[in-house]
C-alpha atoms as a PDB file:
ATOM      1  CA  MET A   1       0.000   0.000   0.000  1.00  0.00           C
ATOM      2  CA  ARG A   2       2.843   2.426   0.816  1.00  0.00           C
ATOM      3  CA  LEU A   3       4.498   1.704  -2.507  1.00  0.00           C
ATOM      4  CA  ILE A   4       1.298   2.453  -4.404  1.00  0.00           C
ATOM      5  CA  ARG A   5       0.790   5.703  -2.484  1.00  0.00           C
ATOM      6  CA  TYR A   6       4.417   6.696  -3.136  1.00  0.00           C
ATOM      7  CA  LEU A   7       4.110   5.939  -6.855  1.00  0.00           C
ATOM      8  CA  LEU A   8       0.898   7.964  -7.116  1.00  0.00           C
ATOM      9  CA  GLN A   9       2.532  10.951  -5.397  1.00  0.00           C
ATOM     10  CA  LEU A  10       5.601  10.629  -7.612  1.00  0.00           C
ATOM     11  CA  SER A  11       3.501  10.503 -10.787  1.00  0.00           C
ATOM     12  CA  LYS A  12       1.575  13.606  -9.663  1.00  0.00           C
ATOM     13  CA  ARG A  13       4.823  15.523  -9.034  1.00  0.00           C
ATOM     14  CA  ILE A  14       6.173  14.507 -12.428  1.00  0.00           C
ATOM     15  CA  ALA A  15       2.923  15.531 -14.142  1.00  0.00           C
ATOM     16  CA  ASN A  16       2.942  18.945 -12.392  1.00  0.00           C
ATOM     17  CA  ARG A  17       6.577  19.587 -13.295  1.00  0.00           C
ATOM     18  CA  THR A  18       5.938  18.613 -16.900  1.00  0.00           C
ATOM     19  CA  TYR A  19       2.883  20.881 -17.070  1.00  0.00           C
ATOM     20  CA  THR A  20       4.895  23.748 -15.550  1.00  0.00           C
ATOM     21  CA  PHE A  21       7.723  23.199 -18.046  1.00  0.00           C
ATOM     22  CA  ILE A  22       5.298  23.338 -20.968  1.00  0.00           C
ATOM     23  CA  MET A  23       3.315  26.379 -19.772  1.00  0.00           C
ATOM     24  CA  ARG A  24       5.985  28.644 -18.238  1.00  0.00           C
ATOM     25  CA  GLY A  25       7.170  29.982 -21.597  1.00  0.00           C
ATOM     26  CA  SER A  26       3.796  31.609 -22.271  1.00  0.00           C
ATOM     27  CA  PHE A  27       4.101  33.964 -19.259  1.00  0.00           C
ATOM     28  CA  LYS A  28       5.618  37.469 -19.393  1.00  0.00           C
ATOM     29  CA  SER A  29       8.157  36.199 -16.846  1.00  0.00           C
ATOM     30  CA  TRP A  30       8.483  33.010 -14.833  1.00  0.00           C
ATOM     31  CA  GLY A  31      10.602  32.781 -11.684  1.00  0.00           C
ATOM     32  CA  LYS A  32      12.954  29.999 -10.652  1.00  0.00           C
ATOM     33  CA  HIS A  33      11.449  27.006  -8.835  1.00  0.00           C
ATOM     34  CA  SER A  34       7.860  28.185  -9.426  1.00  0.00           C
ATOM     35  CA  GLN A  35       5.170  25.591 -10.110  1.00  0.00           C
ATOM     36  CA  LEU A  36       1.856  25.583 -11.934  1.00  0.00           C
ATOM     37  CA  GLY A  37      -0.747  22.999 -10.967  1.00  0.00           C
ATOM     38  CA  ARG A  38      -2.373  20.890 -13.634  1.00  0.00           C
ATOM     39  CA  HIS A  39      -5.642  21.848 -15.286  1.00  0.00           C
ATOM     40  CA  ALA A  40      -4.982  25.578 -14.849  1.00  0.00           C
ATOM     41  CA  ARG A  41      -6.736  27.970 -17.220  1.00  0.00           C
ATOM     42  CA  ILE A  42      -4.539  30.893 -18.152  1.00  0.00           C
ATOM     43  CA  ASP A  43      -5.989  33.671 -20.323  1.00  0.00           C
ATOM     44  CA  GLY A  44      -3.479  36.422 -21.118  1.00  0.00           C
ATOM     45  CA  ALA A  45      -0.369  34.724 -19.731  1.00  0.00           C
ATOM     46  CA  ASP A  46       1.791  37.195 -21.664  1.00  0.00           C
ATOM     47  CA  MET A  47       0.664  39.883 -19.160  1.00  0.00           C
ATOM     48  CA  VAL A  48       1.491  37.850 -16.020  1.00  0.00           C
ATOM     49  CA  HIS A  49       4.727  38.039 -14.001  1.00  0.00           C
ATOM     50  CA  VAL A  50       5.374  35.120 -11.638  1.00  0.00           C
ATOM     51  CA  GLY A  51       8.193  35.496  -9.113  1.00  0.00           C
ATOM     52  CA  ASN A  52      10.557  32.854  -7.710  1.00  0.00           C
ATOM     53  CA  ASN A  53       9.326  29.920  -5.593  1.00  0.00           C
ATOM     54  CA  VAL A  54       5.650  30.573  -6.376  1.00  0.00           C
ATOM     55  CA  SER A  55       3.128  27.745  -6.165  1.00  0.00           C
ATOM     56  CA  LEU A  56      -0.026  28.054  -8.278  1.00  0.00           C
ATOM     57  CA  GLY A  57      -2.612  25.400  -7.431  1.00  0.00           C
ATOM     58  CA  GLU A  58      -4.496  23.010  -9.648  1.00  0.00           C
ATOM     59  CA  HIS A  59      -7.561  24.254 -11.527  1.00  0.00           C
ATOM     60  CA  ILE A  60      -6.765  27.946 -11.030  1.00  0.00           C
ATOM     61  CA  TRP A  61      -8.010  30.502 -13.536  1.00  0.00           C
ATOM     62  CA  LEU A  62      -5.856  33.535 -14.249  1.00  0.00           C
ATOM     63  CA  ASN A  63      -8.166  35.674 -16.373  1.00  0.00           C
ATOM     64  CA  VAL A  64      -6.097  38.613 -17.624  1.00  0.00           C
ATOM     65  CA  LYS A  65      -7.551  40.958 -20.224  1.00  0.00           C
ATOM     66  CA  ASN A  66      -5.871  43.726 -22.134  1.00  0.00           C
ATOM     67  CA  LYS A  67      -8.693  46.264 -21.776  1.00  0.00           C
ATOM     68  CA  SER A  68      -6.305  49.243 -22.027  1.00  0.00           C
ATOM     69  CA  LYS A  69      -4.491  47.921 -25.130  1.00  0.00           C
ATOM     70  CA  ASP A  70      -1.035  48.353 -23.609  1.00  0.00           C
ATOM     71  CA  GLU A  71       1.662  45.730 -23.189  1.00  0.00           C
ATOM     72  CA  LYS A  72       2.182  46.125 -19.439  1.00  0.00           C
ATOM     73  CA  VAL A  73       2.017  43.387 -16.823  1.00  0.00           C
ATOM     74  CA  LYS A  74      -1.539  43.228 -15.486  1.00  0.00           C
ATOM     75  CA  LEU A  75      -0.993  40.533 -12.846  1.00  0.00           C
ATOM     76  CA  ARG A  76       2.147  40.359 -10.697  1.00  0.00           C
ATOM     77  CA  ILE A  77       2.690  37.517  -8.220  1.00  0.00           C
ATOM     78  CA  GLY A  78       5.584  38.033  -5.806  1.00  0.00           C
ATOM     79  CA  ASP A  79       8.293  35.617  -4.662  1.00  0.00           C
ATOM     80  CA  GLY A  80       7.339  32.810  -2.292  1.00  0.00           C
ATOM     81  CA  THR A  81       3.582  33.207  -2.768  1.00  0.00           C
ATOM     82  CA  TYR A  82       1.216  30.230  -2.519  1.00  0.00           C
ATOM     83  CA  ILE A  83      -2.101  30.288  -4.387  1.00  0.00           C
ATOM     84  CA  GLY A  84      -4.448  27.394  -3.650  1.00  0.00           C
ATOM     85  CA  ARG A  85      -6.682  25.285  -5.860  1.00  0.00           C
ATOM     86  CA  PHE A  86      -9.722  26.582  -7.769  1.00  0.00           C
ATOM     87  CA  VAL A  87      -8.691  30.245  -7.351  1.00  0.00           C
ATOM     88  CA  GLN A  88      -9.901  32.779  -9.927  1.00  0.00           C
ATOM     89  CA  ILE A  89      -8.067  36.061 -10.463  1.00  0.00           C
ATOM     90  CA  ASN A  90      -9.535  38.611 -12.896  1.00  0.00           C
ATOM     91  CA  ALA A  91      -7.032  41.311 -13.844  1.00  0.00           C
ATOM     92  CA  TRP A  92      -8.440  43.756 -16.389  1.00  0.00           C
ATOM     93  CA  HIS A  93      -5.976  46.484 -15.420  1.00  0.00           C
ATOM     94  CA  LYS A  94      -3.881  45.555 -12.390  1.00  0.00           C
ATOM     95  CA  VAL A  95      -3.773  42.999  -9.581  1.00  0.00           C
ATOM     96  CA  LEU A  96      -0.590  43.040  -7.505  1.00  0.00           C
ATOM     97  CA  ILE A  97       0.163  40.166  -5.128  1.00  0.00           C
ATOM     98  CA  GLY A  98       3.161  40.728  -2.866  1.00  0.00           C
ATOM     99  CA  LYS A  99       5.834  38.384  -1.570  1.00  0.00           C
ATOM    100  CA  HIS A 100       5.082  35.414   0.695  1.00  0.00           C
ATOM    101  CA  VAL A 101       1.311  35.813   0.370  1.00  0.00           C
ATOM    102  CA  LEU A 102      -0.841  32.805   1.293  1.00  0.00           C
ATOM    103  CA  ILE A 103      -4.108  32.433  -0.657  1.00  0.00           C
ATOM    104  CA  GLY A 104      -6.402  29.543   0.242  1.00  0.00           C
ATOM    105  CA  ASP A 105      -8.541  27.434  -2.086  1.00  0.00           C
ATOM    106  CA  ARG A 106     -11.631  28.758  -3.923  1.00  0.00           C
ATOM    107  CA  VAL A 107     -10.759  32.460  -3.646  1.00  0.00           C
ATOM    108  CA  LEU A 108     -11.999  35.104  -6.109  1.00  0.00           C
ATOM    109  CA  ILE A 109      -9.957  38.266  -6.683  1.00  0.00           C
ATOM    110  CA  SER A 110     -11.174  40.787  -9.265  1.00  0.00           C
ATOM    111  CA  ASP A 111     -10.414  44.340 -10.336  1.00  0.00           C
ATOM    112  CA  ALA A 112     -13.443  44.383 -12.664  1.00  0.00           C
ATOM    113  CA  ASP A 113     -17.222  44.214 -12.496  1.00  0.00           C
ATOM    114  CA  HIS A 114     -20.161  43.617 -14.839  1.00  0.00           C
ATOM    115  CA  LYS A 115     -22.163  46.467 -16.342  1.00  0.00           C
ATOM    116  CA  TYR A 116     -25.854  46.420 -15.400  1.00  0.00           C
ATOM    117  CA  LYS A 117     -27.241  49.929 -16.068  1.00  0.00           C
ATOM    118  CA  ASP A 118     -29.580  48.972 -18.936  1.00  0.00           C
ATOM    119  CA  LYS A 119     -32.441  47.154 -17.229  1.00  0.00           C
ATOM    120  CA  LEU A 120     -33.823  45.883 -20.573  1.00  0.00           C
ATOM    121  CA  THR A 121     -30.581  44.197 -21.690  1.00  0.00           C
ATOM    122  CA  PRO A 122     -29.431  40.929 -20.092  1.00  0.00           C
ATOM    123  CA  ILE A 123     -26.417  41.609 -17.876  1.00  0.00           C
ATOM    124  CA  ILE A 124     -24.336  39.007 -19.710  1.00  0.00           C
ATOM    125  CA  LYS A 125     -24.683  41.132 -22.883  1.00  0.00           C
ATOM    126  CA  GLN A 126     -23.731  44.451 -21.257  1.00  0.00           C
ATOM    127  CA  GLY A 127     -20.050  43.627 -20.847  1.00  0.00           C
ATOM    128  CA  ASP A 128     -17.690  44.413 -18.022  1.00  0.00           C
ATOM    129  CA  PHE A 129     -15.342  47.195 -16.938  1.00  0.00           C
ATOM    130  CA  PHE A 130     -12.287  47.920 -14.806  1.00  0.00           C
ATOM    131  CA  LYS A 131     -13.358  49.180 -11.401  1.00  0.00           C
ATOM    132  CA  GLY A 132     -10.150  49.539  -9.344  1.00  0.00           C
ATOM    133  CA  GLU A 133      -6.728  47.982  -8.697  1.00  0.00           C
ATOM    134  CA  VAL A 134      -6.363  45.179  -6.160  1.00  0.00           C
ATOM    135  CA  ARG A 135      -3.240  44.866  -3.997  1.00  0.00           C
ATOM    136  CA  LEU A 136      -2.296  42.122  -1.578  1.00  0.00           C
ATOM    137  CA  LYS A 137       0.691  43.325   0.417  1.00  0.00           C
ATOM    138  CA  ASP A 138       3.598  41.131   1.536  1.00  0.00           C
ATOM    139  CA  GLY A 139       2.893  38.365   4.023  1.00  0.00           C
ATOM    140  CA  CYS A 140      -0.907  38.546   4.104  1.00  0.00           C
ATOM    141  CA  TRP A 141      -3.096  35.447   4.435  1.00  0.00           C
ATOM    142  CA  VAL A 142      -6.366  35.140   2.514  1.00  0.00           C
ATOM    143  CA  GLY A 143      -8.468  32.278   3.865  1.00  0.00           C
ATOM    144  CA  ILE A 144     -10.440  29.687   1.951  1.00  0.00           C
ATOM    145  CA  GLY A 145     -13.504  30.904   0.047  1.00  0.00           C
ATOM    146  CA  VAL A 146     -12.730  34.636   0.305  1.00  0.00           C
ATOM    147  CA  VAL A 147     -13.970  37.162  -2.261  1.00  0.00           C
ATOM    148  CA  ILE A 148     -11.864  40.309  -2.789  1.00  0.00           C
ATOM    149  CA  LEU A 149     -13.711  42.964  -4.755  1.00  0.00           C
ATOM    150  CA  PRO A 150     -12.195  45.733  -6.909  1.00  0.00           C
ATOM    151  CA  ASN A 151     -10.354  48.756  -5.509  1.00  0.00           C
ATOM    152  CA  VAL A 152      -9.177  46.952  -2.349  1.00  0.00           C
ATOM    153  CA  THR A 153      -5.795  46.696  -0.637  1.00  0.00           C
ATOM    154  CA  ILE A 154      -5.082  43.919   1.864  1.00  0.00           C
ATOM    155  CA  GLY A 155      -2.466  45.135   4.335  1.00  0.00           C
ATOM    156  CA  GLN A 156       0.931  43.662   5.166  1.00  0.00           C
ATOM    157  CA  ASN A 157       0.757  40.488   7.311  1.00  0.00           C
ATOM    158  CA  SER A 158      -3.024  40.869   7.611  1.00  0.00           C
ATOM    159  CA  VAL A 159      -5.453  37.955   7.800  1.00  0.00           C
ATOM    160  CA  VAL A 160      -8.756  37.660   5.951  1.00  0.00           C
ATOM    161  CA  ALA A 161     -10.861  34.949   7.614  1.00  0.00           C
ATOM    162  CA  ALA A 162     -12.436  32.159   5.581  1.00  0.00           C
ATOM    163  CA  ASN A 163     -15.532  32.970   3.493  1.00  0.00           C
ATOM    164  CA  SER A 164     -15.237  36.735   3.995  1.00  0.00           C
ATOM    165  CA  VAL A 165     -16.151  39.294   1.346  1.00  0.00           C
ATOM    166  CA  VAL A 166     -13.691  42.178   1.280  1.00  0.00           C
ATOM    167  CA  THR A 167     -15.235  45.436   0.024  1.00  0.00           C
ATOM    168  CA  ALA A 168     -12.832  47.967   1.616  1.00  0.00           C
ATOM    169  CA  ASP A 169      -9.127  48.267   2.412  1.00  0.00           C
ATOM    170  CA  VAL A 170      -7.698  46.124   5.219  1.00  0.00           C
ATOM    171  CA  PRO A 171      -5.023  47.906   7.299  1.00  0.00           C
ATOM    172  CA  ASP A 172      -1.607  46.337   7.904  1.00  0.00           C
ATOM    173  CA  PHE A 173      -1.418  43.749  10.719  1.00  0.00           C
ATOM    174  CA  THR A 174      -5.197  43.320  11.010  1.00  0.00           C
ATOM    175  CA  LEU A 175      -7.619  40.377  11.210  1.00  0.00           C
ATOM    176  CA  VAL A 176     -10.896  40.854   9.320  1.00  0.00           C
ATOM    177  CA  ALA A 177     -13.904  38.557   8.941  1.00  0.00           C
ATOM    178  CA  GLY A 178     -17.495  38.574   7.725  1.00  0.00           C
ATOM    179  CA  VAL A 179     -19.735  39.707   4.896  1.00  0.00           C
ATOM    180  CA  PRO A 180     -18.743  42.437   4.383  1.00  0.00           C
ATOM    181  CA  ALA A 181     -15.404  41.946   6.133  1.00  0.00           C
ATOM    182  CA  GLN A 182     -15.023  43.960   9.354  1.00  0.00           C
ATOM    183  CA  ILE A 183     -11.990  44.480  11.593  1.00  0.00           C
ATOM    184  CA  ILE A 184     -11.918  41.883  14.371  1.00  0.00           C
ATOM    185  CA  LYS A 185      -8.602  42.869  15.937  1.00  0.00           C
ATOM    186  CA  GLN A 186      -5.143  44.272  15.356  1.00  0.00           C
ATOM    187  CA  LEU A 187      -2.423  41.651  15.236  1.00  0.00           C
END
């Protein structure tokens, strides 16, 4: 049984390394020792910078659009950052993720929103728009199931509790929780 478990783990590591090797060339820049989990969906990889020692989980979706028609990096992921499985990041203009950031599974981060002003047109047909940059400062921890809305900064070494919805800036060294996220305490 141990041998089978070991062989399964080994085959998974080999598959992830192979997938990373194949995909890394499509990014704007790819840091040393960074890994990309299998089954990732990457739209606009040529506008994504990935630092060194970054781990991007399986089934993530990096959805980067060139709404401003420039060639700049729209999504920057700093050194030593871990992004869990099933995470979706929408970067229409700019999402900046600092160094040594921990992002749990099933997180949504977006700098854009859907248009919905015309009440007679289905929302899906009205398009979307950039609403405000998102920044996750160095060392912060974003718990499982969190939603981070546009125009938000998560402070240095701050914690966003699981299943929170962040609608406003989180100060440095702060724990927030809830819907919408509220300050629980200073760390």
